[in-house]
Amino acid sequence: MTLSIIMPMLNEAKALPATLATLVHNSPHIELILVDGGSSDQSVAIAQQQGGMVLSTTAGRARQMNLGGMHATGDYLLFLHADTQLPAQFESLINSALTQHQWGRFDVEISGQHPMLKVISAMMNWRSRLSGIATGDQALFMHRTAFSAVGGFPEQDLMEDIALSQRLKHLGKPACLRQTVITSGRRWEQNGVWRTIWLMWRLRFAYWRGVCPTQLARRYR
């Protein structure tokens, strides 16, 4: 089975080298697709150096990932954030998981100095395992046919990962892998960990109440 890795990016020149170093570009079973949303730094140049397919569109993570999904030829799709590093043997882990599931995700570890980041990571994984809802930080993967069946990501400005999870749950429960991806805690530490926790809980509650994702995205930014 072949795996297409789809990575949206927007001014990710600092994060890209470390993330791309964890990928096996020369594997005949892996296709790398990077979708730029209008970067003004060296993101596109760095991506092109890796030999993957580089696409461009207007900014919007859901739009970027859907474009990548449209061009993907792999049997399986993996949606990976530019600041998230995959575990060793990720390809075999995904192949094994998708023999029994239509979709899945990894556990996540948020990197950084603040001690609360480990607690936040554990809570994210616990909540996801109970709810069957995954976040983009957990590196969503799925059969390409499953992605097509649910119509891809809703093209909304925020919570597109939650919305896609809700769609995919109609096809079956996710594979919740305990192997971890490591994602950057830069936003948490730059904006304040407790402040970010409070913001994210308010946004999720508002989304659950039906507030427009465009309004939520303005609050998030």
Protein backbone atom coordinates (compact mmCIF):
# COMPACT_ATOMS: atom_id res chain seq x y z
CA MET A 1 0.00 0.00 0.00
CA THR A 2 1.20 3.53 -0.75
CA LEU A 3 0.98 6.47 1.64
CA SER A 4 0.50 10.11 0.65
CA ILE A 5 1.71 12.61 3.26
CA ILE A 6 -0.07 15.94 2.87
CA MET A 7 1.40 18.93 4.67
CA PRO A 8 -0.17 22.41 4.67
CA MET A 9 2.29 25.22 5.29
CA LEU A 10 2.33 28.97 5.77
CA ASN A 11 5.63 30.61 6.75
CA GLU A 12 7.03 27.43 8.27
CA ALA A 13 10.66 27.79 7.21
CA LYS A 14 11.91 27.31 10.79
CA ALA A 15 9.92 24.14 11.43
CA LEU A 16 10.10 22.44 8.03
CA PRO A 17 13.70 21.11 8.07
CA ALA A 18 13.23 19.14 11.30
CA THR A 19 9.85 17.79 10.22
CA LEU A 20 10.95 16.79 6.75
CA ALA A 21 14.05 15.07 8.16
CA THR A 22 11.78 12.48 9.81
CA LEU A 23 10.17 11.48 6.52
CA VAL A 24 11.47 8.76 4.24
CA HIS A 25 11.36 10.64 0.95
CA ASN A 26 13.07 7.97 -1.09
CA SER A 27 10.62 5.22 -0.11
CA PRO A 28 8.70 4.02 -3.16
CA HIS A 29 5.65 3.69 -0.94
CA ILE A 30 5.53 7.33 0.22
CA GLU A 31 4.33 10.36 -1.72
CA LEU A 32 5.04 13.79 -0.18
CA ILE A 33 2.72 16.69 -1.03
CA LEU A 34 3.30 20.13 0.48
CA VAL A 35 0.60 22.76 -0.01
CA ASP A 36 1.60 26.37 0.51
CA GLY A 37 -0.92 29.00 1.53
CA GLY A 38 1.05 32.07 0.42
CA SER A 39 4.27 31.96 2.44
CA SER A 40 6.51 35.02 2.44
CA ASP A 41 9.54 33.19 3.87
CA GLN A 42 11.63 30.33 2.44
CA SER A 43 9.01 27.62 3.03
CA VAL A 44 8.43 26.90 -0.66
CA ALA A 45 12.17 26.75 -1.45
CA ILE A 46 12.79 24.36 1.43
CA ALA A 47 9.87 22.17 0.37
CA GLN A 48 11.06 22.07 -3.24
CA GLN A 49 14.52 20.92 -2.12
CA GLN A 50 12.95 17.77 -0.68
CA GLY A 51 11.74 16.54 -4.03
CA GLY A 52 8.08 16.34 -3.11
CA MET A 53 5.12 17.82 -4.95
CA VAL A 54 4.61 21.49 -4.01
CA LEU A 55 1.20 23.05 -4.61
CA SER A 56 -0.06 26.57 -3.93
CA THR A 57 -3.45 27.99 -3.01
CA THR A 58 -4.91 30.72 -0.84
CA ALA A 59 -4.39 30.44 2.92
CA GLY A 60 -6.72 28.16 4.86
CA ARG A 61 -5.61 24.85 6.31
CA ALA A 62 -8.75 22.96 5.25
CA ARG A 63 -8.49 24.32 1.70
CA GLN A 64 -4.81 23.45 1.52
CA MET A 65 -5.32 19.90 2.78
CA ASN A 66 -8.25 19.29 0.44
CA LEU A 67 -6.12 20.40 -2.50
CA GLY A 68 -3.40 18.00 -1.41
CA GLY A 69 -5.96 15.23 -1.05
CA MET A 70 -7.24 15.87 -4.58
CA HIS A 71 -3.72 15.38 -5.99
CA ALA A 72 -2.79 12.41 -3.81
CA THR A 73 -2.40 9.03 -5.46
CA GLY A 74 -1.70 6.93 -2.36
CA ASP A 75 -4.04 4.29 -0.96
CA TYR A 76 -3.71 5.97 2.44
CA LEU A 77 -3.56 9.67 3.34
CA LEU A 78 -1.70 11.23 6.28
CA PHE A 79 -2.33 14.89 7.11
CA LEU A 80 0.70 16.26 8.92
CA HIS A 81 1.29 19.73 10.37
CA ALA A 82 4.58 21.36 9.43
CA ASP A 83 5.70 21.58 13.08
CA THR A 84 4.91 17.95 13.93
CA GLN A 85 7.41 15.08 13.82
CA LEU A 86 6.34 11.50 13.24
CA PRO A 87 7.50 8.48 15.27
CA ALA A 88 9.88 5.90 13.91
CA GLN A 89 8.24 3.24 11.73
CA PHE A 90 5.22 5.47 11.16
CA GLU A 91 4.58 3.88 7.77
CA SER A 92 4.21 0.35 9.12
CA LEU A 93 2.15 1.62 12.08
CA ILE A 94 -0.32 3.28 9.72
CA ASN A 95 -0.45 0.28 7.39
CA SER A 96 -1.21 -2.02 10.30
CA ALA A 97 -3.86 0.29 11.80
CA LEU A 98 -5.68 0.75 8.50
CA THR A 99 -6.09 -2.98 7.93
CA GLN A 100 -8.73 -2.86 10.67
CA HIS A 101 -9.92 0.76 10.65
CA GLN A 102 -10.98 3.34 8.09
CA TRP A 103 -9.08 6.11 9.85
CA GLY A 104 -6.99 6.93 12.89
CA ARG A 105 -4.52 9.16 14.64
CA PHE A 106 -1.44 9.07 16.89
CA ASP A 107 -1.10 10.17 20.48
CA VAL A 108 0.52 13.59 20.70
CA GLU A 109 3.30 15.06 22.83
CA ILE A 110 3.63 18.85 22.96
CA SER A 111 7.28 19.89 23.16
CA GLY A 112 8.40 22.79 25.32
CA GLN A 113 9.68 23.82 28.72
CA HIS A 114 6.44 24.45 30.59
CA PRO A 115 5.51 21.46 32.83
CA MET A 116 1.82 21.84 31.98
CA LEU A 117 2.47 20.86 28.36
CA LYS A 118 2.81 17.19 29.37
CA VAL A 119 -0.48 17.39 31.23
CA ILE A 120 -2.18 19.04 28.26
CA SER A 121 -0.84 16.33 25.94
CA ALA A 122 -2.16 13.57 28.21
CA MET A 123 -5.57 15.24 28.43
CA MET A 124 -5.76 15.65 24.65
CA ASN A 125 -5.01 11.96 24.13
CA TRP A 126 -7.44 10.86 26.83
CA ARG A 127 -10.24 13.06 25.49
CA SER A 128 -9.65 11.85 21.95
CA ARG A 129 -9.70 8.20 22.98
CA LEU A 130 -13.01 8.67 24.81
CA SER A 131 -14.73 10.84 22.22
CA GLY A 132 -13.37 9.39 18.98
CA ILE A 133 -12.55 12.96 17.90
CA ALA A 134 -9.00 13.77 16.78
CA THR A 135 -7.15 17.03 16.29
CA GLY A 136 -4.78 17.91 13.49
CA ASP A 137 -1.86 17.87 15.93
CA GLN A 138 -2.41 14.11 16.27
CA ALA A 139 -1.61 13.49 12.58
CA LEU A 140 -4.86 12.19 11.12
CA PHE A 141 -4.55 9.29 8.68
CA MET A 142 -7.19 7.42 6.68
CA HIS A 143 -8.02 5.41 3.59
CA ARG A 144 -8.20 7.67 0.54
CA THR A 145 -11.62 6.18 -0.17
CA ALA A 146 -12.78 7.21 3.32
CA PHE A 147 -11.58 10.77 2.75
CA SER A 148 -13.49 10.90 -0.52
CA ALA A 149 -16.60 9.29 0.99
CA VAL A 150 -16.99 12.04 3.60
CA GLY A 151 -16.19 14.87 1.19
CA GLY A 152 -12.84 15.82 2.71
CA PHE A 153 -12.36 18.62 5.21
CA PRO A 154 -15.19 21.13 5.56
CA GLU A 155 -13.65 24.35 4.23
CA GLN A 156 -14.10 26.33 7.42
CA ASP A 157 -11.64 28.65 9.14
CA LEU A 158 -11.22 26.67 12.37
CA MET A 159 -12.10 23.27 13.89
CA GLU A 160 -11.86 21.61 10.47
CA ASP A 161 -10.13 18.63 12.09
CA ILE A 162 -12.97 18.15 14.57
CA ALA A 163 -15.55 18.44 11.79
CA LEU A 164 -13.71 15.85 9.69
CA SER A 165 -13.51 13.49 12.69
CA GLN A 166 -17.24 13.79 13.17
CA ARG A 167 -17.76 12.83 9.54
CA LEU A 168 -15.33 9.92 9.70
CA LYS A 169 -16.96 8.53 12.85
CA HIS A 170 -19.92 7.57 10.66
CA LEU A 171 -17.56 5.14 8.91
CA GLY A 172 -16.26 3.60 12.13
CA LYS A 173 -14.21 4.21 15.24
CA PRO A 174 -10.68 5.59 14.80
CA ALA A 175 -7.48 3.68 15.42
CA CYS A 176 -5.96 5.48 18.44
CA LEU A 177 -2.25 4.69 18.30
CA ARG A 178 -0.28 5.13 21.51
CA GLN A 179 2.93 5.92 19.62
CA THR A 180 3.41 9.68 19.77
CA VAL A 181 3.94 12.45 17.30
CA ILE A 182 5.83 15.43 18.72
CA THR A 183 4.33 18.81 17.98
CA SER A 184 5.69 22.24 18.79
CA GLY A 185 4.46 24.03 21.90
CA ARG A 186 5.55 27.41 20.51
CA ARG A 187 2.05 28.89 20.41
CA TRP A 188 1.29 27.70 23.92
CA GLU A 189 4.47 29.24 25.33
CA GLN A 190 4.37 32.46 23.29
CA ASN A 191 0.78 33.27 24.23
CA GLY A 192 0.89 31.84 27.76
CA VAL A 193 -0.05 28.26 28.60
CA TRP A 194 -2.94 29.03 30.95
CA ARG A 195 -4.26 31.74 28.67
CA THR A 196 -4.18 29.35 25.71
CA ILE A 197 -5.93 26.59 27.67
CA TRP A 198 -8.72 28.97 28.59
CA LEU A 199 -8.99 30.23 25.00
CA MET A 200 -9.17 26.73 23.52
CA TRP A 201 -11.86 25.58 25.96
CA ARG A 202 -13.95 28.66 25.17
CA LEU A 203 -13.56 28.11 21.43
CA ARG A 204 -14.55 24.44 21.67
CA PHE A 205 -17.58 25.25 23.79
CA ALA A 206 -18.63 27.98 21.35
CA TYR A 207 -18.17 25.60 18.41
CA TRP A 208 -20.32 22.99 20.17
CA ARG A 209 -23.00 25.67 20.60
CA GLY A 210 -22.94 26.35 16.86
CA VAL A 211 -20.94 29.59 16.66
CA CYS A 212 -19.63 30.22 13.14
CA PRO A 213 -16.04 28.94 12.67
CA THR A 214 -15.11 32.23 10.98
CA GLN A 215 -15.93 34.12 14.18
CA LEU A 216 -13.99 31.57 16.21
CA ALA A 217 -10.98 31.91 13.92
CA ARG A 218 -10.88 35.67 14.58
CA ARG A 219 -10.81 35.01 18.34
CA TYR A 220 -8.12 32.35 17.87
CA ARG A 221 -5.83 34.68 15.95
